[in-house]
């Protein structure tokens, strides 16, 4: 059992899916968790579910694409909690298309959330982590940040950037006691994916096709990704930094 007692964590994109699962597992391991999301209603409901289970959680509204909002939330967390031990940059958005089906504004939109949001929030928290000589930054990339996925040019471009950012952050600040890791999931059966599947003429067939991209023959549950994040956030992973942690059901091996 990984023990995060006495630690404070912030998870972006925590109102549902992978982010909510991460918040739950970190709180269950003893961390005080700040759930951050642009969706205030869903975010507060997610925090309430953690509180009702007997763990510590609070919600803060955050648009990661807004630099000022990132700085304000970081300042509030540091003021209220004194320090942030674990930052999970999970918020992200996607786009389907090749370069010919992608406009510059599509790329800008994805970069503003997937890359710049991660950059801005990490930069806002990092000085306090460096002062304490301790901190873990876990960035949600994708297997699409390690290998190319057809019709996902903008998405993969941003996720490759997440992996590169994580590696550079780890190298630059290892001497400061900071660890940084990119988590690279394959397909995950989140509420967003379920909603997309429901839009297909044959949802069951669409699921089978998506599941078949993993050698294991199914999509991951959000809790399986959260379990990997729990390990990476823990002291047991003290020697893990600067890596792309693949948890893809064999996607990259097909």
C-alpha atoms as a PDB file:
ATOM      1  CA  UNK A   1       0.000   0.000   0.000  1.00  0.00           C
ATOM      2  CA  UNK A   2       1.467   3.349  -1.024  1.00  0.00           C
ATOM      3  CA  UNK A   3       1.195   5.920   1.764  1.00  0.00           C
ATOM      4  CA  UNK A   4       0.708   9.604   0.891  1.00  0.00           C
ATOM      5  CA  UNK A   5      -0.293  10.708   4.386  1.00  0.00           C
ATOM      6  CA  UNK A   6       0.620  14.316   5.074  1.00  0.00           C
ATOM      7  CA  UNK A   7       1.039  15.158   1.393  1.00  0.00           C
ATOM      8  CA  UNK A   8      -0.963  17.602  -0.701  1.00  0.00           C
ATOM      9  CA  UNK A   9      -1.798  16.928  -4.337  1.00  0.00           C
ATOM     10  CA  UNK A  10      -3.504  18.905  -7.077  1.00  0.00           C
ATOM     11  CA  UNK A  11      -5.100  17.172 -10.059  1.00  0.00           C
ATOM     12  CA  UNK A  12      -6.312  19.105 -13.098  1.00  0.00           C
ATOM     13  CA  UNK A  13      -9.156  17.854 -15.232  1.00  0.00           C
ATOM     14  CA  UNK A  14     -10.396  16.134 -12.098  1.00  0.00           C
ATOM     15  CA  UNK A  15     -14.159  16.434 -12.626  1.00  0.00           C
ATOM     16  CA  UNK A  16     -14.453  13.082 -14.398  1.00  0.00           C
ATOM     17  CA  UNK A  17     -12.657  10.199 -16.094  1.00  0.00           C
ATOM     18  CA  UNK A  18      -8.952   9.653 -15.478  1.00  0.00           C
ATOM     19  CA  UNK A  19      -8.605  12.848 -13.442  1.00  0.00           C
ATOM     20  CA  UNK A  20     -11.360  11.934 -11.013  1.00  0.00           C
ATOM     21  CA  UNK A  21      -9.966   8.412 -10.645  1.00  0.00           C
ATOM     22  CA  UNK A  22      -6.524   9.847  -9.866  1.00  0.00           C
ATOM     23  CA  UNK A  23      -7.972  12.215  -7.277  1.00  0.00           C
ATOM     24  CA  UNK A  24      -9.805   9.325  -5.605  1.00  0.00           C
ATOM     25  CA  UNK A  25      -6.774   7.029  -5.435  1.00  0.00           C
ATOM     26  CA  UNK A  26      -4.449   9.746  -4.120  1.00  0.00           C
ATOM     27  CA  UNK A  27      -6.982  10.743  -1.459  1.00  0.00           C
ATOM     28  CA  UNK A  28      -7.523   7.109  -0.501  1.00  0.00           C
ATOM     29  CA  UNK A  29      -3.756   6.815   0.025  1.00  0.00           C
ATOM     30  CA  UNK A  30      -3.901   9.669   2.532  1.00  0.00           C
ATOM     31  CA  UNK A  31      -3.202  12.791   0.477  1.00  0.00           C
ATOM     32  CA  UNK A  32      -5.185  15.995   0.797  1.00  0.00           C
ATOM     33  CA  UNK A  33      -6.344  16.483  -2.784  1.00  0.00           C
ATOM     34  CA  UNK A  34      -7.306  19.637  -4.633  1.00  0.00           C
ATOM     35  CA  UNK A  35      -9.514  18.829  -7.603  1.00  0.00           C
ATOM     36  CA  UNK A  36      -9.185  21.488 -10.299  1.00  0.00           C
ATOM     37  CA  UNK A  37     -11.390  21.705 -13.359  1.00  0.00           C
ATOM     38  CA  UNK A  38     -13.075  24.234 -15.617  1.00  0.00           C
ATOM     39  CA  UNK A  39     -16.428  22.540 -14.906  1.00  0.00           C
ATOM     40  CA  UNK A  40     -17.407  23.840 -11.488  1.00  0.00           C
ATOM     41  CA  UNK A  41     -20.552  21.760 -10.999  1.00  0.00           C
ATOM     42  CA  UNK A  42     -19.011  18.420 -11.953  1.00  0.00           C
ATOM     43  CA  UNK A  43     -15.803  19.288 -10.106  1.00  0.00           C
ATOM     44  CA  UNK A  44     -17.576  20.053  -6.840  1.00  0.00           C
ATOM     45  CA  UNK A  45     -19.606  16.868  -7.158  1.00  0.00           C
ATOM     46  CA  UNK A  46     -16.418  14.856  -7.665  1.00  0.00           C
ATOM     47  CA  UNK A  47     -14.816  16.454  -4.605  1.00  0.00           C
ATOM     48  CA  UNK A  48     -17.946  15.763  -2.569  1.00  0.00           C
ATOM     49  CA  UNK A  49     -17.791  12.076  -3.484  1.00  0.00           C
ATOM     50  CA  UNK A  50     -14.261  11.886  -2.076  1.00  0.00           C
ATOM     51  CA  UNK A  51     -15.273  13.736   1.087  1.00  0.00           C
ATOM     52  CA  UNK A  52     -18.268  11.429   1.553  1.00  0.00           C
ATOM     53  CA  UNK A  53     -15.909   8.448   1.415  1.00  0.00           C
ATOM     54  CA  UNK A  54     -14.042   9.898   4.389  1.00  0.00           C
ATOM     55  CA  UNK A  55     -11.017  11.336   2.583  1.00  0.00           C
ATOM     56  CA  UNK A  56      -9.746  14.907   2.238  1.00  0.00           C
ATOM     57  CA  UNK A  57     -10.619  16.912  -0.859  1.00  0.00           C
ATOM     58  CA  UNK A  58     -11.571  20.362  -2.052  1.00  0.00           C
ATOM     59  CA  UNK A  59     -12.425  21.881  -5.423  1.00  0.00           C
ATOM     60  CA  UNK A  60     -10.939  24.894  -7.178  1.00  0.00           C
ATOM     61  CA  UNK A  61     -12.191  26.106 -10.526  1.00  0.00           C
ATOM     62  CA  UNK A  62      -9.381  26.347 -13.052  1.00  0.00           C
ATOM     63  CA  UNK A  63      -9.048  27.063 -16.745  1.00  0.00           C
ATOM     64  CA  UNK A  64      -5.523  25.843 -17.425  1.00  0.00           C
ATOM     65  CA  UNK A  65      -5.379  27.811 -20.677  1.00  0.00           C
ATOM     66  CA  UNK A  66      -5.556  31.038 -18.605  1.00  0.00           C
ATOM     67  CA  UNK A  67      -2.089  31.942 -17.275  1.00  0.00           C
ATOM     68  CA  UNK A  68      -3.479  34.328 -14.659  1.00  0.00           C
ATOM     69  CA  UNK A  69      -5.903  31.687 -13.420  1.00  0.00           C
ATOM     70  CA  UNK A  70      -3.029  29.183 -13.084  1.00  0.00           C
ATOM     71  CA  UNK A  71      -0.980  31.643 -11.029  1.00  0.00           C
ATOM     72  CA  UNK A  72      -3.966  32.542  -8.850  1.00  0.00           C
ATOM     73  CA  UNK A  73      -4.808  28.904  -8.075  1.00  0.00           C
ATOM     74  CA  UNK A  74      -1.169  28.113  -7.287  1.00  0.00           C
ATOM     75  CA  UNK A  75      -0.980  31.086  -4.927  1.00  0.00           C
ATOM     76  CA  UNK A  76      -4.217  30.017  -3.199  1.00  0.00           C
ATOM     77  CA  UNK A  77      -3.050  26.417  -2.767  1.00  0.00           C
ATOM     78  CA  UNK A  78       0.300  27.492  -1.335  1.00  0.00           C
ATOM     79  CA  UNK A  79      -1.410  29.979   1.009  1.00  0.00           C
ATOM     80  CA  UNK A  80      -3.995  27.477   2.250  1.00  0.00           C
ATOM     81  CA  UNK A  81      -1.931  24.270   2.202  1.00  0.00           C
ATOM     82  CA  UNK A  82       1.574  25.720   2.660  1.00  0.00           C
ATOM     83  CA  UNK A  83       3.049  23.449  -0.020  1.00  0.00           C
ATOM     84  CA  UNK A  84       2.118  21.237  -2.932  1.00  0.00           C
ATOM     85  CA  UNK A  85       3.862  17.869  -2.946  1.00  0.00           C
ATOM     86  CA  UNK A  86       2.259  16.336  -6.040  1.00  0.00           C
ATOM     87  CA  UNK A  87       1.091  18.114  -9.186  1.00  0.00           C
ATOM     88  CA  UNK A  88      -0.828  16.033 -11.732  1.00  0.00           C
ATOM     89  CA  UNK A  89      -1.303  17.902 -15.002  1.00  0.00           C
ATOM     90  CA  UNK A  90      -4.119  15.779 -16.373  1.00  0.00           C
ATOM     91  CA  UNK A  91      -6.384  18.283 -18.159  1.00  0.00           C
ATOM     92  CA  UNK A  92      -6.411  17.724 -21.888  1.00  0.00           C
ATOM     93  CA  UNK A  93      -8.472  17.934 -25.060  1.00  0.00           C
ATOM     94  CA  UNK A  94      -8.323  16.208 -28.443  1.00  0.00           C
ATOM     95  CA  UNK A  95      -8.867  16.679 -32.155  1.00  0.00           C
ATOM     96  CA  UNK A  96      -9.428  14.164 -34.946  1.00  0.00           C
ATOM     97  CA  UNK A  97      -7.771  14.736 -38.300  1.00  0.00           C
ATOM     98  CA  UNK A  98      -4.701  14.688 -40.511  1.00  0.00           C
ATOM     99  CA  UNK A  99      -2.851  17.939 -41.242  1.00  0.00           C
ATOM    100  CA  UNK A 100      -5.271  18.557 -44.121  1.00  0.00           C
ATOM    101  CA  UNK A 101      -8.204  18.288 -41.721  1.00  0.00           C
ATOM    102  CA  UNK A 102      -6.589  20.444 -39.048  1.00  0.00           C
ATOM    103  CA  UNK A 103      -6.651  24.233 -38.995  1.00  0.00           C
ATOM    104  CA  UNK A 104      -4.111  26.384 -37.191  1.00  0.00           C
ATOM    105  CA  UNK A 105      -6.776  27.357 -34.669  1.00  0.00           C
ATOM    106  CA  UNK A 106      -7.317  23.669 -33.882  1.00  0.00           C
ATOM    107  CA  UNK A 107      -3.622  23.260 -33.128  1.00  0.00           C
ATOM    108  CA  UNK A 108      -3.618  26.462 -31.048  1.00  0.00           C
ATOM    109  CA  UNK A 109      -6.627  25.256 -29.056  1.00  0.00           C
ATOM    110  CA  UNK A 110      -4.955  21.952 -28.190  1.00  0.00           C
ATOM    111  CA  UNK A 111      -1.641  23.590 -27.349  1.00  0.00           C
ATOM    112  CA  UNK A 112      -3.335  26.094 -25.033  1.00  0.00           C
ATOM    113  CA  UNK A 113      -4.686  23.269 -22.849  1.00  0.00           C
ATOM    114  CA  UNK A 114      -2.412  20.270 -23.361  1.00  0.00           C
ATOM    115  CA  UNK A 115       0.925  22.076 -23.371  1.00  0.00           C
ATOM    116  CA  UNK A 116       0.678  25.678 -22.258  1.00  0.00           C
ATOM    117  CA  UNK A 117      -1.654  24.823 -19.391  1.00  0.00           C
ATOM    118  CA  UNK A 118       0.822  22.227 -18.116  1.00  0.00           C
ATOM    119  CA  UNK A 119       3.674  24.725 -18.551  1.00  0.00           C
ATOM    120  CA  UNK A 120       1.896  27.584 -16.763  1.00  0.00           C
ATOM    121  CA  UNK A 121       0.700  25.601 -13.766  1.00  0.00           C
ATOM    122  CA  UNK A 122       4.027  23.828 -13.290  1.00  0.00           C
ATOM    123  CA  UNK A 123       5.894  27.130 -13.490  1.00  0.00           C
ATOM    124  CA  UNK A 124       3.562  28.635 -10.891  1.00  0.00           C
ATOM    125  CA  UNK A 125       4.180  25.836  -8.373  1.00  0.00           C
ATOM    126  CA  UNK A 126       7.823  25.020  -9.057  1.00  0.00           C
ATOM    127  CA  UNK A 127       9.559  27.785  -7.018  1.00  0.00           C
ATOM    128  CA  UNK A 128       7.848  26.618  -3.816  1.00  0.00           C
ATOM    129  CA  UNK A 129       8.784  23.001  -4.585  1.00  0.00           C
ATOM    130  CA  UNK A 130      12.399  23.984  -5.234  1.00  0.00           C
ATOM    131  CA  UNK A 131      12.512  25.948  -1.977  1.00  0.00           C
ATOM    132  CA  UNK A 132      11.489  22.775  -0.155  1.00  0.00           C
ATOM    133  CA  UNK A 133      13.755  20.568  -2.291  1.00  0.00           C
ATOM    134  CA  UNK A 134      10.846  18.212  -2.897  1.00  0.00           C
ATOM    135  CA  UNK A 135       8.085  17.754  -5.436  1.00  0.00           C
ATOM    136  CA  UNK A 136       6.603  15.393  -8.003  1.00  0.00           C
ATOM    137  CA  UNK A 137       5.167  16.594 -11.318  1.00  0.00           C
ATOM    138  CA  UNK A 138       3.178  13.981 -13.240  1.00  0.00           C
ATOM    139  CA  UNK A 139       2.043  15.006 -16.713  1.00  0.00           C
ATOM    140  CA  UNK A 140      -0.649  13.107 -18.583  1.00  0.00           C
ATOM    141  CA  UNK A 141       0.661  12.457 -22.065  1.00  0.00           C
ATOM    142  CA  UNK A 142      -0.574   9.540 -24.181  1.00  0.00           C
ATOM    143  CA  UNK A 143       0.759   6.606 -26.097  1.00  0.00           C
ATOM    144  CA  UNK A 144       0.202   9.148 -28.859  1.00  0.00           C
ATOM    145  CA  UNK A 145       3.121  11.031 -27.355  1.00  0.00           C
ATOM    146  CA  UNK A 146       5.427   8.078 -28.020  1.00  0.00           C
ATOM    147  CA  UNK A 147       4.142   6.628 -31.305  1.00  0.00           C
ATOM    148  CA  UNK A 148       2.113   8.178 -34.117  1.00  0.00           C
ATOM    149  CA  UNK A 149      -1.635   7.552 -34.244  1.00  0.00           C
ATOM    150  CA  UNK A 150      -3.450   7.946 -37.575  1.00  0.00           C
ATOM    151  CA  UNK A 151      -5.757  10.969 -37.898  1.00  0.00           C
ATOM    152  CA  UNK A 152      -4.532  12.521 -34.642  1.00  0.00           C
ATOM    153  CA  UNK A 153      -1.857  14.934 -35.888  1.00  0.00           C
ATOM    154  CA  UNK A 154      -2.611  17.870 -33.576  1.00  0.00           C
ATOM    155  CA  UNK A 155      -3.255  15.647 -30.567  1.00  0.00           C
ATOM    156  CA  UNK A 156      -0.069  13.624 -31.032  1.00  0.00           C
ATOM    157  CA  UNK A 157       1.943  16.792 -31.633  1.00  0.00           C
ATOM    158  CA  UNK A 158       0.888  18.150 -28.249  1.00  0.00           C
ATOM    159  CA  UNK A 159       1.414  14.858 -26.456  1.00  0.00           C
ATOM    160  CA  UNK A 160       4.921  14.460 -27.873  1.00  0.00           C
ATOM    161  CA  UNK A 161       5.494  17.938 -26.428  1.00  0.00           C
ATOM    162  CA  UNK A 162       4.234  16.765 -23.015  1.00  0.00           C
ATOM    163  CA  UNK A 163       6.773  13.925 -23.040  1.00  0.00           C
ATOM    164  CA  UNK A 164       9.596  16.275 -24.043  1.00  0.00           C
ATOM    165  CA  UNK A 165       8.583  18.845 -21.437  1.00  0.00           C
ATOM    166  CA  UNK A 166       8.576  16.182 -18.717  1.00  0.00           C
ATOM    167  CA  UNK A 167      12.023  14.901 -19.650  1.00  0.00           C
ATOM    168  CA  UNK A 168      13.510  18.410 -19.752  1.00  0.00           C
ATOM    169  CA  UNK A 169      11.900  19.368 -16.435  1.00  0.00           C
ATOM    170  CA  UNK A 170      13.340  16.235 -14.823  1.00  0.00           C
ATOM    171  CA  UNK A 171      16.864  16.892 -16.115  1.00  0.00           C
ATOM    172  CA  UNK A 172      16.851  20.584 -15.233  1.00  0.00           C
ATOM    173  CA  UNK A 173      15.566  20.157 -11.684  1.00  0.00           C
ATOM    174  CA  UNK A 174      16.721  16.766 -10.421  1.00  0.00           C
ATOM    175  CA  UNK A 175      19.307  18.633  -8.333  1.00  0.00           C
ATOM    176  CA  UNK A 176      16.435  20.557  -6.747  1.00  0.00           C
ATOM    177  CA  UNK A 177      14.706  17.410  -5.523  1.00  0.00           C
ATOM    178  CA  UNK A 178      12.032  17.506  -8.229  1.00  0.00           C
ATOM    179  CA  UNK A 179      10.840  14.418 -10.099  1.00  0.00           C
ATOM    180  CA  UNK A 180       8.915  14.691 -13.367  1.00  0.00           C
ATOM    181  CA  UNK A 181       7.254  11.895 -15.315  1.00  0.00           C
ATOM    182  CA  UNK A 182       4.973  11.655 -18.347  1.00  0.00           C
ATOM    183  CA  UNK A 183       2.245   9.008 -18.161  1.00  0.00           C
ATOM    184  CA  UNK A 184       1.309   7.543 -21.544  1.00  0.00           C
ATOM    185  CA  UNK A 185      -2.003   5.653 -21.526  1.00  0.00           C
ATOM    186  CA  UNK A 186      -3.487   3.771 -24.435  1.00  0.00           C
ATOM    187  CA  UNK A 187      -7.227   3.967 -25.004  1.00  0.00           C
ATOM    188  CA  UNK A 188      -9.161   4.429 -21.758  1.00  0.00           C
ATOM    189  CA  UNK A 189     -12.891   3.858 -21.289  1.00  0.00           C
ATOM    190  CA  UNK A 190     -13.743   7.265 -19.858  1.00  0.00           C
ATOM    191  CA  UNK A 191     -17.176   8.953 -19.870  1.00  0.00           C
ATOM    192  CA  UNK A 192     -15.942  11.015 -22.845  1.00  0.00           C
ATOM    193  CA  UNK A 193     -15.073   7.874 -24.816  1.00  0.00           C
ATOM    194  CA  UNK A 194     -18.377   6.230 -23.883  1.00  0.00           C
ATOM    195  CA  UNK A 195     -20.222   9.316 -25.142  1.00  0.00           C
ATOM    196  CA  UNK A 196     -18.311   9.160 -28.420  1.00  0.00           C
ATOM    197  CA  UNK A 197     -19.070   5.463 -28.802  1.00  0.00           C
ATOM    198  CA  UNK A 198     -22.777   6.128 -28.349  1.00  0.00           C
ATOM    199  CA  UNK A 199     -22.681   8.429 -31.392  1.00  0.00           C
ATOM    200  CA  UNK A 200     -21.582   5.617 -33.741  1.00  0.00           C
ATOM    201  CA  UNK A 201     -24.229   3.722 -35.777  1.00  0.00           C
ATOM    202  CA  UNK A 202     -22.992   0.501 -34.130  1.00  0.00           C
ATOM    203  CA  UNK A 203     -21.480   1.362 -30.697  1.00  0.00           C
ATOM    204  CA  UNK A 204     -20.571  -2.276 -29.948  1.00  0.00           C
ATOM    205  CA  UNK A 205     -18.612  -2.591 -33.175  1.00  0.00           C
ATOM    206  CA  UNK A 206     -16.906   0.760 -32.555  1.00  0.00           C
ATOM    207  CA  UNK A 207     -15.873  -0.419 -29.097  1.00  0.00           C
ATOM    208  CA  UNK A 208     -14.437  -3.636 -30.514  1.00  0.00           C
ATOM    209  CA  UNK A 209     -12.420  -1.675 -33.075  1.00  0.00           C
ATOM    210  CA  UNK A 210     -11.042   0.681 -30.412  1.00  0.00           C
ATOM    211  CA  UNK A 211     -10.322  -2.196 -28.037  1.00  0.00           C
ATOM    212  CA  UNK A 212      -8.502  -4.098 -30.783  1.00  0.00           C
ATOM    213  CA  UNK A 213      -5.812  -1.400 -30.937  1.00  0.00           C
ATOM    214  CA  UNK A 214      -4.516  -2.801 -27.637  1.00  0.00           C
ATOM    215  CA  UNK A 215      -2.817  -6.200 -27.721  1.00  0.00           C
ATOM    216  CA  UNK A 216      -4.640  -7.058 -24.513  1.00  0.00           C
ATOM    217  CA  UNK A 217      -7.940  -6.716 -26.399  1.00  0.00           C
ATOM    218  CA  UNK A 218      -9.718  -4.117 -24.297  1.00  0.00           C
ATOM    219  CA  UNK A 219      -9.530  -0.511 -23.197  1.00  0.00           C
ATOM    220  CA  UNK A 220      -8.191   0.476 -19.798  1.00  0.00           C
ATOM    221  CA  UNK A 221     -10.357   1.525 -16.895  1.00  0.00           C
ATOM    222  CA  UNK A 222      -9.545   4.996 -15.497  1.00  0.00           C
ATOM    223  CA  UNK A 223      -8.645   3.336 -12.189  1.00  0.00           C
ATOM    224  CA  UNK A 224      -5.847   1.390 -13.880  1.00  0.00           C
ATOM    225  CA  UNK A 225      -4.206   4.617 -15.028  1.00  0.00           C
ATOM    226  CA  UNK A 226      -4.763   6.112 -11.580  1.00  0.00           C
ATOM    227  CA  UNK A 227      -2.962   3.164  -9.971  1.00  0.00           C
ATOM    228  CA  UNK A 228       0.135   3.926 -12.043  1.00  0.00           C
ATOM    229  CA  UNK A 229      -0.032   7.588 -11.025  1.00  0.00           C
ATOM    230  CA  UNK A 230      -0.274   6.585  -7.361  1.00  0.00           C
ATOM    231  CA  UNK A 231       2.939   4.601  -7.653  1.00  0.00           C
ATOM    232  CA  UNK A 232       4.735   7.419  -9.472  1.00  0.00           C
ATOM    233  CA  UNK A 233       3.607   9.940  -6.851  1.00  0.00           C
ATOM    234  CA  UNK A 234       4.816   7.784  -3.963  1.00  0.00           C
ATOM    235  CA  UNK A 235       8.203   7.574  -2.276  1.00  0.00           C
ATOM    236  CA  UNK A 236       8.540   4.058  -3.691  1.00  0.00           C
ATOM    237  CA  UNK A 237       9.106   5.687  -7.083  1.00  0.00           C
ATOM    238  CA  UNK A 238      11.932   7.901  -5.799  1.00  0.00           C
ATOM    239  CA  UNK A 239      14.273   6.661  -8.562  1.00  0.00           C
ATOM    240  CA  UNK A 240      11.736   7.249 -11.352  1.00  0.00           C
ATOM    241  CA  UNK A 241      12.101  10.538 -13.201  1.00  0.00           C
ATOM    242  CA  UNK A 242      12.486  11.835 -16.727  1.00  0.00           C
ATOM    243  CA  UNK A 243      10.675   8.917 -18.310  1.00  0.00           C
ATOM    244  CA  UNK A 244       7.581   8.250 -20.396  1.00  0.00           C
ATOM    245  CA  UNK A 245       5.640   5.679 -18.370  1.00  0.00           C
ATOM    246  CA  UNK A 246       3.672   3.617 -20.893  1.00  0.00           C
ATOM    247  CA  UNK A 247       0.478   1.921 -19.712  1.00  0.00           C
ATOM    248  CA  UNK A 248      -1.119   1.021 -23.007  1.00  0.00           C
ATOM    249  CA  UNK A 249      -2.258  -2.606 -22.971  1.00  0.00           C
ATOM    250  CA  UNK A 250       0.295  -3.387 -25.654  1.00  0.00           C
ATOM    251  CA  UNK A 251      -0.828  -0.634 -28.069  1.00  0.00           C
ATOM    252  CA  UNK A 252       2.750   0.312 -28.942  1.00  0.00           C
ATOM    253  CA  UNK A 253       3.664  -3.324 -29.514  1.00  0.00           C
ATOM    254  CA  UNK A 254       1.126  -3.994 -32.275  1.00  0.00           C
END
